Amino acid sequence: MGIVRLIIIGVAVWLAFKLFKRMTSGPSTPESSVKESAPKKMVQCKQCGLHVPIDEALPKGDDHFCCDEHRDQD
């Protein structure tokens, strides 16, 4: 009978620990993941029409290009 009590107490302590850990970890809101994966502004390559993020596009005047080759061809 002693081993059964020990197992029950162990399971109760484990569940209490998991509950405590979940409560102290802070809220897990979907808003935090939305901010990290917010869509980037896209621009279209003037030469081939490919859409690329503006921070990866190569500007030339008011136009944007996907690679050096397309920018040089213009």
PDB file of N, CA and C in Angstrom:
ATOM      1  N   MET A   1       0.819  -1.200   0.000  1.00  0.00           N
ATOM      2  CA  MET A   1       0.000   0.000   0.000  1.00  0.00           C
ATOM      3  C   MET A   1       0.860   1.260   0.000  1.00  0.00           C
ATOM      4  N   GLY A   2       2.075   1.196   0.499  1.00  0.00           N
ATOM      5  CA  GLY A   2       2.958   2.353   0.576  1.00  0.00           C
ATOM      6  C   GLY A   2       3.416   2.837  -0.791  1.00  0.00           C
ATOM      7  N   ILE A   3       3.652   1.903  -1.719  1.00  0.00           N
ATOM      8  CA  ILE A   3       4.112   2.282  -3.061  1.00  0.00           C
ATOM      9  C   ILE A   3       3.018   3.006  -3.844  1.00  0.00           C
ATOM     10  N   VAL A   4       1.765   2.610  -3.633  1.00  0.00           N
ATOM     11  CA  VAL A   4       0.645   3.256  -4.324  1.00  0.00           C
ATOM     12  C   VAL A   4       0.517   4.702  -3.850  1.00  0.00           C
ATOM     13  N   ARG A   5       0.643   4.915  -2.544  1.00  0.00           N
ATOM     14  CA  ARG A   5       0.589   6.279  -2.007  1.00  0.00           C
ATOM     15  C   ARG A   5       1.733   7.127  -2.569  1.00  0.00           C
ATOM     16  N   LEU A   6       2.905   6.542  -2.652  1.00  0.00           N
ATOM     17  CA  LEU A   6       4.057   7.250  -3.179  1.00  0.00           C
ATOM     18  C   LEU A   6       3.844   7.655  -4.636  1.00  0.00           C
ATOM     19  N   ILE A   7       3.276   6.778  -5.426  1.00  0.00           N
ATOM     20  CA  ILE A   7       2.985   7.084  -6.829  1.00  0.00           C
ATOM     21  C   ILE A   7       1.939   8.194  -6.928  1.00  0.00           C
ATOM     22  N   ILE A   8       0.897   8.119  -6.135  1.00  0.00           N
ATOM     23  CA  ILE A   8      -0.161   9.139  -6.153  1.00  0.00           C
ATOM     24  C   ILE A   8       0.400  10.493  -5.736  1.00  0.00           C
ATOM     25  N   ILE A   9       1.216  10.522  -4.711  1.00  0.00           N
ATOM     26  CA  ILE A   9       1.829  11.774  -4.267  1.00  0.00           C
ATOM     27  C   ILE A   9       2.756  12.323  -5.350  1.00  0.00           C
ATOM     28  N   GLY A  10       3.519  11.452  -5.990  1.00  0.00           N
ATOM     29  CA  GLY A  10       4.409  11.879  -7.064  1.00  0.00           C
ATOM     30  C   GLY A  10       3.645  12.497  -8.222  1.00  0.00           C
ATOM     31  N   VAL A  11       2.549  11.869  -8.618  1.00  0.00           N
ATOM     32  CA  VAL A  11       1.722  12.399  -9.707  1.00  0.00           C
ATOM     33  C   VAL A  11       1.112  13.741  -9.305  1.00  0.00           C
ATOM     34  N   ALA A  12       0.662  13.860  -8.064  1.00  0.00           N
ATOM     35  CA  ALA A  12       0.070  15.114  -7.590  1.00  0.00           C
ATOM     36  C   ALA A  12       1.112  16.233  -7.588  1.00  0.00           C
ATOM     37  N   VAL A  13       2.334  15.929  -7.139  1.00  0.00           N
ATOM     38  CA  VAL A  13       3.395  16.935  -7.138  1.00  0.00           C
ATOM     39  C   VAL A  13       3.734  17.342  -8.580  1.00  0.00           C
ATOM     40  N   TRP A  14       3.806  16.378  -9.475  1.00  0.00           N
ATOM     41  CA  TRP A  14       4.109  16.664 -10.881  1.00  0.00           C
ATOM     42  C   TRP A  14       3.032  17.557 -11.501  1.00  0.00           C
ATOM     43  N   LEU A  15       1.764  17.243 -11.248  1.00  0.00           N
ATOM     44  CA  LEU A  15       0.666  18.063 -11.783  1.00  0.00           C
ATOM     45  C   LEU A  15       0.694  19.474 -11.199  1.00  0.00           C
ATOM     46  N   ALA A  16       0.983  19.579  -9.899  1.00  0.00           N
ATOM     47  CA  ALA A  16       1.065  20.897  -9.268  1.00  0.00           C
ATOM     48  C   ALA A  16       2.205  21.709  -9.887  1.00  0.00           C
ATOM     49  N   PHE A  17       3.335  21.057 -10.139  1.00  0.00           N
ATOM     50  CA  PHE A  17       4.466  21.742 -10.759  1.00  0.00           C
ATOM     51  C   PHE A  17       4.112  22.232 -12.166  1.00  0.00           C
ATOM     52  N   LYS A  18       3.464  21.380 -12.963  1.00  0.00           N
ATOM     53  CA  LYS A  18       3.075  21.772 -14.315  1.00  0.00           C
ATOM     54  C   LYS A  18       2.090  22.946 -14.287  1.00  0.00           C
ATOM     55  N   LEU A  19       1.143  22.900 -13.371  1.00  0.00           N
ATOM     56  CA  LEU A  19       0.163  23.983 -13.246  1.00  0.00           C
ATOM     57  C   LEU A  19       0.847  25.282 -12.832  1.00  0.00           C
ATOM     58  N   PHE A  20       1.748  25.193 -11.862  1.00  0.00           N
ATOM     59  CA  PHE A  20       2.487  26.376 -11.421  1.00  0.00           C
ATOM     60  C   PHE A  20       3.320  26.957 -12.556  1.00  0.00           C
ATOM     61  N   LYS A  21       3.979  26.099 -13.302  1.00  0.00           N
ATOM     62  CA  LYS A  21       4.813  26.539 -14.417  1.00  0.00           C
ATOM     63  C   LYS A  21       3.969  27.233 -15.489  1.00  0.00           C
ATOM     64  N   ARG A  22       2.807  26.696 -15.777  1.00  0.00           N
ATOM     65  CA  ARG A  22       1.920  27.293 -16.776  1.00  0.00           C
ATOM     66  C   ARG A  22       1.400  28.650 -16.322  1.00  0.00           C
ATOM     67  N   MET A  23       1.098  28.770 -15.039  1.00  0.00           N
ATOM     68  CA  MET A  23       0.559  30.025 -14.516  1.00  0.00           C
ATOM     69  C   MET A  23       1.617  31.120 -14.458  1.00  0.00           C
ATOM     70  N   THR A  24       2.878  30.762 -14.225  1.00  0.00           N
ATOM     71  CA  THR A  24       3.923  31.771 -14.090  1.00  0.00           C
ATOM     72  C   THR A  24       4.614  32.087 -15.401  1.00  0.00           C
ATOM     73  N   SER A  25       4.329  31.351 -16.457  1.00  0.00           N
ATOM     74  CA  SER A  25       5.006  31.598 -17.734  1.00  0.00           C
ATOM     75  C   SER A  25       4.464  32.823 -18.453  1.00  0.00           C
ATOM     76  N   GLY A  26       3.375  33.386 -18.021  1.00  0.00           N
ATOM     77  CA  GLY A  26       2.811  34.570 -18.655  1.00  0.00           C
ATOM     78  C   GLY A  26       1.770  34.176 -19.680  1.00  0.00           C
ATOM     79  N   PRO A  27       1.020  35.157 -20.125  1.00  0.00           N
ATOM     80  CA  PRO A  27      -0.028  34.862 -21.109  1.00  0.00           C
ATOM     81  C   PRO A  27       0.562  34.507 -22.457  1.00  0.00           C
ATOM     82  N   SER A  28      -0.036  33.537 -23.072  1.00  0.00           N
ATOM     83  CA  SER A  28       0.377  33.157 -24.426  1.00  0.00           C
ATOM     84  C   SER A  28      -0.704  33.628 -25.385  1.00  0.00           C
ATOM     85  N   THR A  29      -0.587  34.897 -25.770  1.00  0.00           N
ATOM     86  CA  THR A  29      -1.590  35.490 -26.649  1.00  0.00           C
ATOM     87  C   THR A  29      -1.153  35.367 -28.100  1.00  0.00           C
ATOM     88  N   PRO A  30      -2.081  35.191 -28.994  1.00  0.00           N
ATOM     89  CA  PRO A  30      -1.723  35.114 -30.405  1.00  0.00           C
ATOM     90  C   PRO A  30      -1.234  36.448 -30.954  1.00  0.00           C
ATOM     91  N   GLU A  31      -1.451  37.561 -30.232  1.00  0.00           N
ATOM     92  CA  GLU A  31      -1.013  38.875 -30.704  1.00  0.00           C
ATOM     93  C   GLU A  31       0.502  38.943 -30.827  1.00  0.00           C
ATOM     94  N   SER A  32       1.211  38.282 -29.913  1.00  0.00           N
ATOM     95  CA  SER A  32       2.665  38.349 -29.962  1.00  0.00           C
ATOM     96  C   SER A  32       3.207  37.675 -31.216  1.00  0.00           C
ATOM     97  N   SER A  33       2.594  36.580 -31.652  1.00  0.00           N
ATOM     98  CA  SER A  33       3.068  35.918 -32.860  1.00  0.00           C
ATOM     99  C   SER A  33       2.654  36.685 -34.112  1.00  0.00           C
ATOM    100  N   VAL A  34       1.554  37.429 -34.032  1.00  0.00           N
ATOM    101  CA  VAL A  34       1.108  38.214 -35.178  1.00  0.00           C
ATOM    102  C   VAL A  34       2.084  39.352 -35.432  1.00  0.00           C
ATOM    103  N   LYS A  35       2.591  39.969 -34.379  1.00  0.00           N
ATOM    104  CA  LYS A  35       3.519  41.076 -34.545  1.00  0.00           C
ATOM    105  C   LYS A  35       4.817  40.605 -35.188  1.00  0.00           C
ATOM    106  N   GLU A  36       5.268  39.406 -34.838  1.00  0.00           N
ATOM    107  CA  GLU A  36       6.509  38.887 -35.387  1.00  0.00           C
ATOM    108  C   GLU A  36       6.372  38.516 -36.857  1.00  0.00           C
ATOM    109  N   SER A  37       5.203  38.071 -37.251  1.00  0.00           N
ATOM    110  CA  SER A  37       5.032  37.609 -38.618  1.00  0.00           C
ATOM    111  C   SER A  37       4.174  38.571 -39.448  1.00  0.00           C
ATOM    112  N   ALA A  38       4.250  39.839 -39.126  1.00  0.00           N
ATOM    113  CA  ALA A  38       3.478  40.823 -39.870  1.00  0.00           C
ATOM    114  C   ALA A  38       3.965  40.858 -41.320  1.00  0.00           C
ATOM    115  N   PRO A  39       3.072  40.993 -42.270  1.00  0.00           N
ATOM    116  CA  PRO A  39       3.482  40.995 -43.675  1.00  0.00           C
ATOM    117  C   PRO A  39       4.345  42.208 -44.002  1.00  0.00           C
ATOM    118  N   LYS A  40       5.310  41.980 -44.876  1.00  0.00           N
ATOM    119  CA  LYS A  40       6.194  43.053 -45.309  1.00  0.00           C
ATOM    120  C   LYS A  40       5.621  43.693 -46.571  1.00  0.00           C
ATOM    121  N   LYS A  41       5.979  44.946 -46.777  1.00  0.00           N
ATOM    122  CA  LYS A  41       5.554  45.642 -47.999  1.00  0.00           C
ATOM    123  C   LYS A  41       6.297  45.024 -49.178  1.00  0.00           C
ATOM    124  N   MET A  42       5.569  44.706 -50.227  1.00  0.00           N
ATOM    125  CA  MET A  42       6.142  44.080 -51.415  1.00  0.00           C
ATOM    126  C   MET A  42       6.148  45.085 -52.569  1.00  0.00           C
ATOM    127  N   VAL A  43       7.163  44.966 -53.408  1.00  0.00           N
ATOM    128  CA  VAL A  43       7.244  45.769 -54.636  1.00  0.00           C
ATOM    129  C   VAL A  43       7.479  44.823 -55.803  1.00  0.00           C
ATOM    130  N   GLN A  44       7.121  45.290 -56.989  1.00  0.00           N
ATOM    131  CA  GLN A  44       7.225  44.459 -58.185  1.00  0.00           C
ATOM    132  C   GLN A  44       8.458  44.853 -58.996  1.00  0.00           C
ATOM    133  N   CYS A  45       9.202  43.831 -59.424  1.00  0.00           N
ATOM    134  CA  CYS A  45      10.365  44.064 -60.282  1.00  0.00           C
ATOM    135  C   CYS A  45       9.872  44.632 -61.608  1.00  0.00           C
ATOM    136  N   LYS A  46      10.469  45.721 -62.041  1.00  0.00           N
ATOM    137  CA  LYS A  46      10.047  46.363 -63.290  1.00  0.00           C
ATOM    138  C   LYS A  46      10.356  45.482 -64.501  1.00  0.00           C
ATOM    139  N   GLN A  47      11.389  44.667 -64.425  1.00  0.00           N
ATOM    140  CA  GLN A  47      11.821  43.855 -65.561  1.00  0.00           C
ATOM    141  C   GLN A  47      10.980  42.586 -65.721  1.00  0.00           C
ATOM    142  N   CYS A  48      10.833  41.789 -64.645  1.00  0.00           N
ATOM    143  CA  CYS A  48      10.177  40.481 -64.781  1.00  0.00           C
ATOM    144  C   CYS A  48       8.827  40.384 -64.075  1.00  0.00           C
ATOM    145  N   GLY A  49       8.502  41.345 -63.223  1.00  0.00           N
ATOM    146  CA  GLY A  49       7.216  41.333 -62.546  1.00  0.00           C
ATOM    147  C   GLY A  49       7.201  40.563 -61.233  1.00  0.00           C
ATOM    148  N   LEU A  50       8.332  40.028 -60.816  1.00  0.00           N
ATOM    149  CA  LEU A  50       8.410  39.281 -59.562  1.00  0.00           C
ATOM    150  C   LEU A  50       8.207  40.220 -58.388  1.00  0.00           C
ATOM    151  N   HIS A  51       7.411  39.785 -57.401  1.00  0.00           N
ATOM    152  CA  HIS A  51       7.200  40.581 -56.199  1.00  0.00           C
ATOM    153  C   HIS A  51       8.240  40.177 -55.160  1.00  0.00           C
ATOM    154  N   VAL A  52       8.934  41.175 -54.619  1.00  0.00           N
ATOM    155  CA  VAL A  52       9.954  40.951 -53.595  1.00  0.00           C
ATOM    156  C   VAL A  52       9.713  41.924 -52.440  1.00  0.00           C
ATOM    157  N   PRO A  53      10.129  41.550 -51.215  1.00  0.00           N
ATOM    158  CA  PRO A  53      10.003  42.498 -50.098  1.00  0.00           C
ATOM    159  C   PRO A  53      10.811  43.759 -50.385  1.00  0.00           C
ATOM    160  N   ILE A  54      10.295  44.876 -49.964  1.00  0.00           N
ATOM    161  CA  ILE A  54      10.933  46.155 -50.295  1.00  0.00           C
ATOM    162  C   ILE A  54      12.337  46.249 -49.720  1.00  0.00           C
ATOM    163  N   ASP A  55      12.586  45.584 -48.580  1.00  0.00           N
ATOM    164  CA  ASP A  55      13.927  45.662 -48.004  1.00  0.00           C
ATOM    165  C   ASP A  55      14.932  44.776 -48.747  1.00  0.00           C
ATOM    166  N   GLU A  56      14.468  43.896 -49.634  1.00  0.00           N
ATOM    167  CA  GLU A  56      15.356  43.069 -50.447  1.00  0.00           C
ATOM    168  C   GLU A  56      15.443  43.554 -51.890  1.00  0.00           C
ATOM    169  N   ALA A  57      14.563  44.479 -52.272  1.00  0.00           N
ATOM    170  CA  ALA A  57      14.534  44.974 -53.651  1.00  0.00           C
ATOM    171  C   ALA A  57      15.697  45.931 -53.898  1.00  0.00           C
ATOM    172  N   LEU A  58      16.105  46.009 -55.156  1.00  0.00           N
ATOM    173  CA  LEU A  58      17.182  46.904 -55.562  1.00  0.00           C
ATOM    174  C   LEU A  58      16.567  48.115 -56.257  1.00  0.00           C
ATOM    175  N   PRO A  59      16.633  49.285 -55.631  1.00  0.00           N
ATOM    176  CA  PRO A  59      16.003  50.466 -56.227  1.00  0.00           C
ATOM    177  C   PRO A  59      16.870  51.121 -57.297  1.00  0.00           C
ATOM    178  N   LYS A  60      16.189  51.709 -58.244  1.00  0.00           N
ATOM    179  CA  LYS A  60      16.840  52.546 -59.263  1.00  0.00           C
ATOM    180  C   LYS A  60      15.827  53.619 -59.618  1.00  0.00           C
ATOM    181  N   GLY A  61      16.051  54.785 -59.094  1.00  0.00           N
ATOM    182  CA  GLY A  61      15.071  55.852 -59.260  1.00  0.00           C
ATOM    183  C   GLY A  61      13.812  55.505 -58.481  1.00  0.00           C
ATOM    184  N   ASP A  62      12.672  55.578 -59.172  1.00  0.00           N
ATOM    185  CA  ASP A  62      11.403  55.215 -58.535  1.00  0.00           C
ATOM    186  C   ASP A  62      11.058  53.745 -58.754  1.00  0.00           C
ATOM    187  N   ASP A  63      11.874  53.023 -59.515  1.00  0.00           N
ATOM    188  CA  ASP A  63      11.603  51.622 -59.847  1.00  0.00           C
ATOM    189  C   ASP A  63      12.358  50.689 -58.898  1.00  0.00           C
ATOM    190  N   HIS A  64      11.892  49.438 -58.842  1.00  0.00           N
ATOM    191  CA  HIS A  64      12.527  48.417 -58.025  1.00  0.00           C
ATOM    192  C   HIS A  64      12.804  47.187 -58.880  1.00  0.00           C
ATOM    193  N   PHE A  65      13.875  46.477 -58.547  1.00  0.00           N
ATOM    194  CA  PHE A  65      14.292  45.294 -59.299  1.00  0.00           C
ATOM    195  C   PHE A  65      14.611  44.163 -58.333  1.00  0.00           C
ATOM    196  N   CYS A  66      14.506  42.925 -58.846  1.00  0.00           N
ATOM    197  CA  CYS A  66      14.741  41.749 -57.995  1.00  0.00           C
ATOM    198  C   CYS A  66      16.208  41.351 -57.952  1.00  0.00           C
ATOM    199  N   CYS A  67      17.007  41.769 -58.941  1.00  0.00           N
ATOM    200  CA  CYS A  67      18.425  41.385 -58.970  1.00  0.00           C
ATOM    201  C   CYS A  67      19.226  42.445 -59.721  1.00  0.00           C
ATOM    202  N   ASP A  68      20.544  42.359 -59.591  1.00  0.00           N
ATOM    203  CA  ASP A  68      21.426  43.312 -60.268  1.00  0.00           C
ATOM    204  C   ASP A  68      21.292  43.227 -61.791  1.00  0.00           C
ATOM    205  N   GLU A  69      21.110  42.018 -62.289  1.00  0.00           N
ATOM    206  CA  GLU A  69      21.003  41.822 -63.746  1.00  0.00           C
ATOM    207  C   GLU A  69      19.824  42.594 -64.325  1.00  0.00           C
ATOM    208  N   HIS A  70      18.677  42.500 -63.664  1.00  0.00           N
ATOM    209  CA  HIS A  70      17.483  43.210 -64.155  1.00  0.00           C
ATOM    210  C   HIS A  70      17.648  44.710 -64.000  1.00  0.00           C
ATOM    211  N   ARG A  71      18.310  45.144 -62.924  1.00  0.00           N
ATOM    212  CA  ARG A  71      18.528  46.573 -62.748  1.00  0.00           C
ATOM    213  C   ARG A  71      19.452  47.115 -63.835  1.00  0.00           C
ATOM    214  N   ASP A  72      20.470  46.337 -64.210  1.00  0.00           N
ATOM    215  CA  ASP A  72      21.413  46.776 -65.245  1.00  0.00           C
ATOM    216  C   ASP A  72      20.788  46.764 -66.638  1.00  0.00           C
ATOM    217  N   GLN A  73      19.822  45.881 -66.868  1.00  0.00           N
ATOM    218  CA  GLN A  73      19.167  45.798 -68.180  1.00  0.00           C
ATOM    219  C   GLN A  73      18.260  46.999 -68.432  1.00  0.00           C
ATOM    220  N   ASP A  74      17.811  47.623 -67.408  1.00  0.00           N
ATOM    221  CA  ASP A  74      16.884  48.751 -67.568  1.00  0.00           C
ATOM    222  C   ASP A  74      17.601  49.975 -68.078  1.00  0.00           C
TER     223      ASP A  74
END
